[in-house]
């Protein structure tokens, strides 16, 4: 992870919660191998911007992201896509219309 600005007022400590512990990385790898994709929410430490959200279906791609994108202090949340994104949790659903506003009643999805 990259170094960046940090404030001593935030009480930096080696005892804090880290995303890259072997246990957490093993759990993430297991979800990716056994269940499917993960959703990653990346919050930026002391930078005024909204979180980035990325979906990964490969552990090596996730690990590369983790080692190159976040800066020290950034917060990373990880969810199992399959466990969170279920038919019961759909906010909205529909098909994309053609230029005449038509959508197929059937289809292979």
N, C-alpha and C. Protein backbone atom coordinates (compact mmCIF):
# COMPACT_ATOMS: atom_id res chain seq x y z
N UNK A 1 0.83 -1.17 0.00
CA UNK A 1 0.00 0.00 0.00
C UNK A 1 0.88 1.24 0.00
N UNK A 2 0.38 2.28 -0.63
CA UNK A 2 1.14 3.52 -0.74
C UNK A 2 1.07 4.32 0.55
N UNK A 3 2.09 5.08 0.79
CA UNK A 3 2.09 6.01 1.92
C UNK A 3 1.40 7.30 1.47
N UNK A 4 0.83 8.00 2.42
CA UNK A 4 0.17 9.26 2.13
C UNK A 4 0.20 10.13 3.37
N UNK A 5 -0.53 11.22 3.33
CA UNK A 5 -0.63 12.11 4.49
C UNK A 5 -1.29 11.37 5.64
N UNK A 6 -0.84 11.62 6.86
CA UNK A 6 -1.53 11.09 8.02
C UNK A 6 -1.45 12.08 9.16
N UNK A 7 -2.45 12.01 10.03
CA UNK A 7 -2.54 12.91 11.16
C UNK A 7 -2.31 12.13 12.45
N UNK A 8 -1.39 12.61 13.28
CA UNK A 8 -1.15 11.97 14.58
C UNK A 8 -2.40 12.02 15.46
N UNK A 9 -3.29 12.98 15.21
CA UNK A 9 -4.53 13.10 15.99
C UNK A 9 -5.41 11.86 15.82
N UNK A 10 -5.19 11.08 14.77
CA UNK A 10 -6.00 9.88 14.52
C UNK A 10 -5.47 8.65 15.25
N UNK A 11 -4.45 8.83 16.06
CA UNK A 11 -3.92 7.77 16.93
C UNK A 11 -3.53 6.51 16.16
N UNK A 12 -2.60 6.64 15.25
CA UNK A 12 -2.10 5.50 14.49
C UNK A 12 -1.49 4.49 15.44
N UNK A 13 -1.74 3.19 15.20
CA UNK A 13 -1.27 2.14 16.10
C UNK A 13 -1.08 0.84 15.33
N UNK A 14 -0.14 0.02 15.76
CA UNK A 14 0.04 -1.31 15.16
C UNK A 14 -1.07 -2.27 15.60
N UNK A 15 -1.88 -1.86 16.57
CA UNK A 15 -2.96 -2.70 17.08
C UNK A 15 -4.28 -2.51 16.32
N UNK A 16 -4.31 -1.64 15.34
CA UNK A 16 -5.55 -1.36 14.63
C UNK A 16 -5.97 -2.47 13.68
N UNK A 17 -7.19 -2.37 13.18
CA UNK A 17 -7.76 -3.36 12.27
C UNK A 17 -7.14 -3.18 10.88
N UNK A 18 -6.51 -4.24 10.36
CA UNK A 18 -5.86 -4.19 9.05
C UNK A 18 -6.57 -5.12 8.07
N UNK A 19 -6.73 -4.67 6.84
CA UNK A 19 -7.40 -5.47 5.82
C UNK A 19 -6.51 -6.60 5.29
N UNK A 20 -5.20 -6.44 5.42
CA UNK A 20 -4.29 -7.40 4.78
C UNK A 20 -3.72 -8.45 5.73
N UNK A 21 -4.45 -8.79 6.78
CA UNK A 21 -3.99 -9.86 7.65
C UNK A 21 -4.15 -11.19 6.91
N UNK A 22 -3.31 -12.18 7.22
CA UNK A 22 -3.45 -13.48 6.55
C UNK A 22 -4.85 -14.07 6.69
N UNK A 23 -5.47 -13.91 7.85
CA UNK A 23 -6.80 -14.47 8.07
C UNK A 23 -7.84 -13.83 7.15
N UNK A 24 -7.78 -12.52 7.03
CA UNK A 24 -8.76 -11.82 6.17
C UNK A 24 -8.53 -12.16 4.70
N UNK A 25 -7.26 -12.21 4.29
CA UNK A 25 -6.97 -12.54 2.90
C UNK A 25 -7.39 -13.97 2.58
N UNK A 26 -7.20 -14.90 3.51
CA UNK A 26 -7.66 -16.28 3.30
C UNK A 26 -9.18 -16.34 3.15
N UNK A 27 -9.89 -15.60 4.00
CA UNK A 27 -11.36 -15.59 3.93
C UNK A 27 -11.83 -15.02 2.59
N UNK A 28 -11.19 -13.97 2.14
CA UNK A 28 -11.55 -13.36 0.85
C UNK A 28 -11.25 -14.32 -0.29
N UNK A 29 -10.08 -14.95 -0.25
CA UNK A 29 -9.72 -15.92 -1.29
C UNK A 29 -10.73 -17.07 -1.33
N UNK A 30 -11.14 -17.56 -0.16
CA UNK A 30 -12.09 -18.67 -0.08
C UNK A 30 -13.43 -18.30 -0.71
N UNK A 31 -13.93 -17.11 -0.41
CA UNK A 31 -15.18 -16.66 -1.03
C UNK A 31 -15.04 -16.61 -2.55
N UNK A 32 -13.94 -16.04 -3.03
CA UNK A 32 -13.72 -15.94 -4.47
C UNK A 32 -13.63 -17.32 -5.12
N UNK A 33 -12.99 -18.25 -4.47
CA UNK A 33 -12.81 -19.59 -5.06
C UNK A 33 -14.07 -20.45 -4.93
N UNK A 34 -14.79 -20.33 -3.81
CA UNK A 34 -15.91 -21.24 -3.54
C UNK A 34 -17.29 -20.69 -3.88
N UNK A 35 -17.45 -19.37 -3.83
CA UNK A 35 -18.78 -18.79 -3.98
C UNK A 35 -18.89 -17.90 -5.21
N UNK A 36 -17.95 -16.97 -5.37
CA UNK A 36 -18.01 -16.07 -6.51
C UNK A 36 -17.44 -14.71 -6.20
N UNK A 37 -17.83 -13.70 -6.97
CA UNK A 37 -17.23 -12.37 -6.88
C UNK A 37 -17.40 -11.70 -5.52
N UNK A 38 -16.55 -10.70 -5.29
CA UNK A 38 -16.64 -9.86 -4.10
C UNK A 38 -16.86 -8.41 -4.53
N UNK A 39 -17.51 -7.67 -3.66
CA UNK A 39 -17.69 -6.24 -3.83
C UNK A 39 -16.73 -5.56 -2.86
N UNK A 40 -15.95 -4.62 -3.36
CA UNK A 40 -14.99 -3.89 -2.54
C UNK A 40 -15.39 -2.42 -2.51
N UNK A 41 -15.50 -1.88 -1.31
CA UNK A 41 -15.76 -0.45 -1.12
C UNK A 41 -14.51 0.15 -0.51
N UNK A 42 -13.96 1.13 -1.19
CA UNK A 42 -12.67 1.73 -0.82
C UNK A 42 -12.90 3.19 -0.42
N UNK A 43 -12.79 3.45 0.90
CA UNK A 43 -12.93 4.80 1.43
C UNK A 43 -11.55 5.43 1.57
N UNK A 44 -11.45 6.71 1.28
CA UNK A 44 -10.17 7.40 1.23
C UNK A 44 -9.92 8.19 2.52
N UNK A 45 -8.82 7.86 3.19
CA UNK A 45 -8.44 8.51 4.44
C UNK A 45 -8.11 9.99 4.22
N UNK A 46 -8.87 10.84 4.89
CA UNK A 46 -8.66 12.29 4.88
C UNK A 46 -8.55 12.88 3.47
N UNK A 47 -9.30 12.32 2.55
CA UNK A 47 -9.40 12.90 1.21
C UNK A 47 -10.88 13.12 0.95
N UNK A 48 -11.21 14.27 0.48
CA UNK A 48 -12.63 14.60 0.30
C UNK A 48 -13.13 14.06 -1.04
N UNK A 49 -13.48 12.79 -1.01
CA UNK A 49 -14.10 12.17 -2.19
C UNK A 49 -14.95 10.99 -1.72
N UNK A 50 -15.89 10.65 -2.55
CA UNK A 50 -16.75 9.50 -2.23
C UNK A 50 -15.94 8.21 -2.37
N UNK A 51 -16.45 7.16 -1.79
CA UNK A 51 -15.80 5.86 -1.89
C UNK A 51 -15.85 5.33 -3.31
N UNK A 52 -14.84 4.56 -3.67
CA UNK A 52 -14.86 3.79 -4.92
C UNK A 52 -15.44 2.43 -4.61
N UNK A 53 -16.16 1.86 -5.57
CA UNK A 53 -16.69 0.51 -5.44
C UNK A 53 -16.27 -0.29 -6.66
N UNK A 54 -15.70 -1.47 -6.40
CA UNK A 54 -15.17 -2.32 -7.46
C UNK A 54 -15.61 -3.75 -7.19
N UNK A 55 -15.85 -4.51 -8.25
CA UNK A 55 -16.18 -5.92 -8.12
C UNK A 55 -15.02 -6.74 -8.67
N UNK A 56 -14.62 -7.77 -7.92
CA UNK A 56 -13.53 -8.65 -8.34
C UNK A 56 -14.04 -10.09 -8.37
N UNK A 57 -13.57 -10.85 -9.37
CA UNK A 57 -13.88 -12.28 -9.39
C UNK A 57 -12.60 -13.12 -9.40
N UNK A 58 -11.46 -12.45 -9.16
CA UNK A 58 -10.18 -13.13 -9.15
C UNK A 58 -9.35 -12.60 -7.99
N UNK A 59 -8.81 -13.50 -7.16
CA UNK A 59 -8.05 -13.06 -6.00
C UNK A 59 -6.80 -12.29 -6.39
N UNK A 60 -6.10 -12.73 -7.42
CA UNK A 60 -4.88 -12.03 -7.83
C UNK A 60 -5.18 -10.59 -8.24
N UNK A 61 -6.30 -10.37 -8.92
CA UNK A 61 -6.68 -9.00 -9.29
C UNK A 61 -7.00 -8.17 -8.05
N UNK A 62 -7.71 -8.77 -7.10
CA UNK A 62 -8.00 -8.07 -5.84
C UNK A 62 -6.71 -7.74 -5.11
N UNK A 63 -5.81 -8.70 -5.00
CA UNK A 63 -4.56 -8.49 -4.28
C UNK A 63 -3.71 -7.40 -4.96
N UNK A 64 -3.71 -7.39 -6.29
CA UNK A 64 -2.98 -6.34 -7.02
C UNK A 64 -3.58 -4.98 -6.70
N UNK A 65 -4.91 -4.88 -6.71
CA UNK A 65 -5.58 -3.63 -6.37
C UNK A 65 -5.20 -3.19 -4.96
N UNK A 66 -5.26 -4.13 -4.02
CA UNK A 66 -4.96 -3.83 -2.62
C UNK A 66 -3.52 -3.34 -2.44
N UNK A 67 -2.62 -3.85 -3.25
CA UNK A 67 -1.21 -3.48 -3.13
C UNK A 67 -0.83 -2.22 -3.90
N UNK A 68 -1.71 -1.76 -4.79
CA UNK A 68 -1.33 -0.60 -5.62
C UNK A 68 -2.24 0.61 -5.48
N UNK A 69 -3.50 0.43 -5.12
CA UNK A 69 -4.43 1.56 -5.12
C UNK A 69 -4.57 2.28 -3.78
N UNK A 70 -4.85 1.57 -2.69
CA UNK A 70 -5.06 2.28 -1.42
C UNK A 70 -3.78 2.92 -0.88
N UNK A 71 -3.99 3.97 -0.12
CA UNK A 71 -2.91 4.59 0.65
C UNK A 71 -3.09 4.21 2.11
N UNK A 72 -2.03 4.33 2.87
CA UNK A 72 -2.10 4.03 4.30
C UNK A 72 -3.26 4.82 4.92
N UNK A 73 -4.07 4.15 5.71
CA UNK A 73 -5.21 4.79 6.38
C UNK A 73 -6.52 4.63 5.65
N UNK A 74 -6.50 4.30 4.37
CA UNK A 74 -7.75 4.08 3.64
C UNK A 74 -8.49 2.91 4.26
N UNK A 75 -9.81 2.92 4.17
CA UNK A 75 -10.66 1.87 4.75
C UNK A 75 -11.22 1.03 3.61
N UNK A 76 -11.12 -0.28 3.74
CA UNK A 76 -11.61 -1.21 2.72
C UNK A 76 -12.69 -2.10 3.35
N UNK A 77 -13.86 -2.15 2.72
CA UNK A 77 -14.92 -3.08 3.10
C UNK A 77 -15.04 -4.11 1.97
N UNK A 78 -15.28 -5.37 2.33
CA UNK A 78 -15.43 -6.43 1.33
C UNK A 78 -16.68 -7.24 1.65
N UNK A 79 -17.51 -7.48 0.62
CA UNK A 79 -18.70 -8.30 0.76
C UNK A 79 -18.70 -9.39 -0.31
N UNK A 80 -19.34 -10.49 0.00
CA UNK A 80 -19.58 -11.53 -0.99
C UNK A 80 -20.76 -11.09 -1.86
N UNK A 81 -20.54 -10.95 -3.14
CA UNK A 81 -21.59 -10.54 -4.06
C UNK A 81 -22.79 -11.48 -3.98
N UNK A 82 -22.53 -12.79 -3.98
CA UNK A 82 -23.60 -13.79 -3.99
C UNK A 82 -24.44 -13.75 -2.71
N UNK A 83 -23.83 -13.39 -1.60
CA UNK A 83 -24.56 -13.37 -0.34
C UNK A 83 -25.33 -12.06 -0.13
N UNK A 84 -24.90 -11.00 -0.80
CA UNK A 84 -25.55 -9.70 -0.64
C UNK A 84 -26.53 -9.41 -1.76
N UNK A 85 -26.16 -9.74 -2.96
CA UNK A 85 -26.98 -9.42 -4.14
C UNK A 85 -27.85 -10.61 -4.49
N UNK A 86 -28.98 -10.70 -3.80
CA UNK A 86 -29.92 -11.81 -4.00
C UNK A 86 -31.21 -11.28 -4.61
N UNK A 87 -32.04 -12.17 -5.16
CA UNK A 87 -33.32 -11.72 -5.71
C UNK A 87 -34.19 -10.98 -4.69
N UNK A 88 -34.06 -11.33 -3.41
CA UNK A 88 -34.85 -10.66 -2.38
C UNK A 88 -34.36 -9.24 -2.09
N UNK A 89 -33.15 -8.92 -2.48
CA UNK A 89 -32.56 -7.60 -2.21
C UNK A 89 -32.57 -6.66 -3.40
N UNK A 90 -33.17 -7.06 -4.51
CA UNK A 90 -33.15 -6.23 -5.71
C UNK A 90 -33.92 -4.93 -5.45
N UNK A 91 -33.27 -3.82 -5.69
CA UNK A 91 -33.89 -2.52 -5.53
C UNK A 91 -34.81 -2.20 -6.72
N UNK A 92 -34.31 -2.47 -7.90
CA UNK A 92 -35.07 -2.25 -9.13
C UNK A 92 -34.58 -3.23 -10.17
N UNK A 93 -35.45 -3.59 -11.08
CA UNK A 93 -35.09 -4.54 -12.12
C UNK A 93 -35.90 -4.22 -13.36
N UNK A 94 -35.36 -4.47 -14.51
CA UNK A 94 -36.07 -4.25 -15.75
C UNK A 94 -35.16 -4.51 -16.93
N UNK A 95 -35.73 -4.51 -18.09
CA UNK A 95 -34.96 -4.74 -19.31
C UNK A 95 -34.75 -3.42 -20.03
N UNK A 96 -33.69 -3.34 -20.77
CA UNK A 96 -33.36 -2.12 -21.51
C UNK A 96 -34.18 -2.08 -22.80
N UNK A 97 -34.90 -0.98 -23.03
CA UNK A 97 -35.75 -0.89 -24.22
C UNK A 97 -34.95 -0.56 -25.48
N UNK A 98 -35.54 -0.91 -26.61
CA UNK A 98 -34.95 -0.50 -27.89
C UNK A 98 -35.39 0.93 -28.20
N UNK A 99 -35.09 1.41 -29.38
CA UNK A 99 -35.39 2.81 -29.74
C UNK A 99 -36.88 3.10 -29.86
N UNK A 100 -37.71 2.05 -29.82
CA UNK A 100 -39.17 2.23 -29.86
C UNK A 100 -39.81 1.98 -28.49
N UNK A 101 -38.96 1.76 -27.47
CA UNK A 101 -39.48 1.53 -26.12
C UNK A 101 -39.89 0.10 -25.85
N UNK A 102 -39.59 -0.83 -26.74
CA UNK A 102 -39.99 -2.22 -26.58
C UNK A 102 -38.94 -3.00 -25.80
N UNK A 103 -39.41 -3.98 -25.04
CA UNK A 103 -38.52 -4.91 -24.34
C UNK A 103 -39.00 -6.32 -24.61
N UNK A 104 -38.11 -7.30 -24.59
CA UNK A 104 -38.54 -8.69 -24.82
C UNK A 104 -39.28 -9.26 -23.62
N UNK A 105 -40.36 -10.02 -23.89
CA UNK A 105 -41.07 -10.70 -22.82
C UNK A 105 -40.30 -11.94 -22.38
N UNK A 106 -39.52 -12.50 -23.28
CA UNK A 106 -38.71 -13.67 -22.99
C UNK A 106 -37.25 -13.31 -23.27
N UNK A 107 -36.39 -14.29 -23.10
CA UNK A 107 -34.98 -14.07 -23.41
C UNK A 107 -34.10 -15.03 -22.63
N UNK A 108 -32.95 -15.29 -23.17
CA UNK A 108 -31.96 -16.17 -22.49
C UNK A 108 -31.06 -15.30 -21.64
N UNK A 109 -31.16 -15.41 -20.32
CA UNK A 109 -30.35 -14.60 -19.43
C UNK A 109 -29.56 -15.48 -18.51
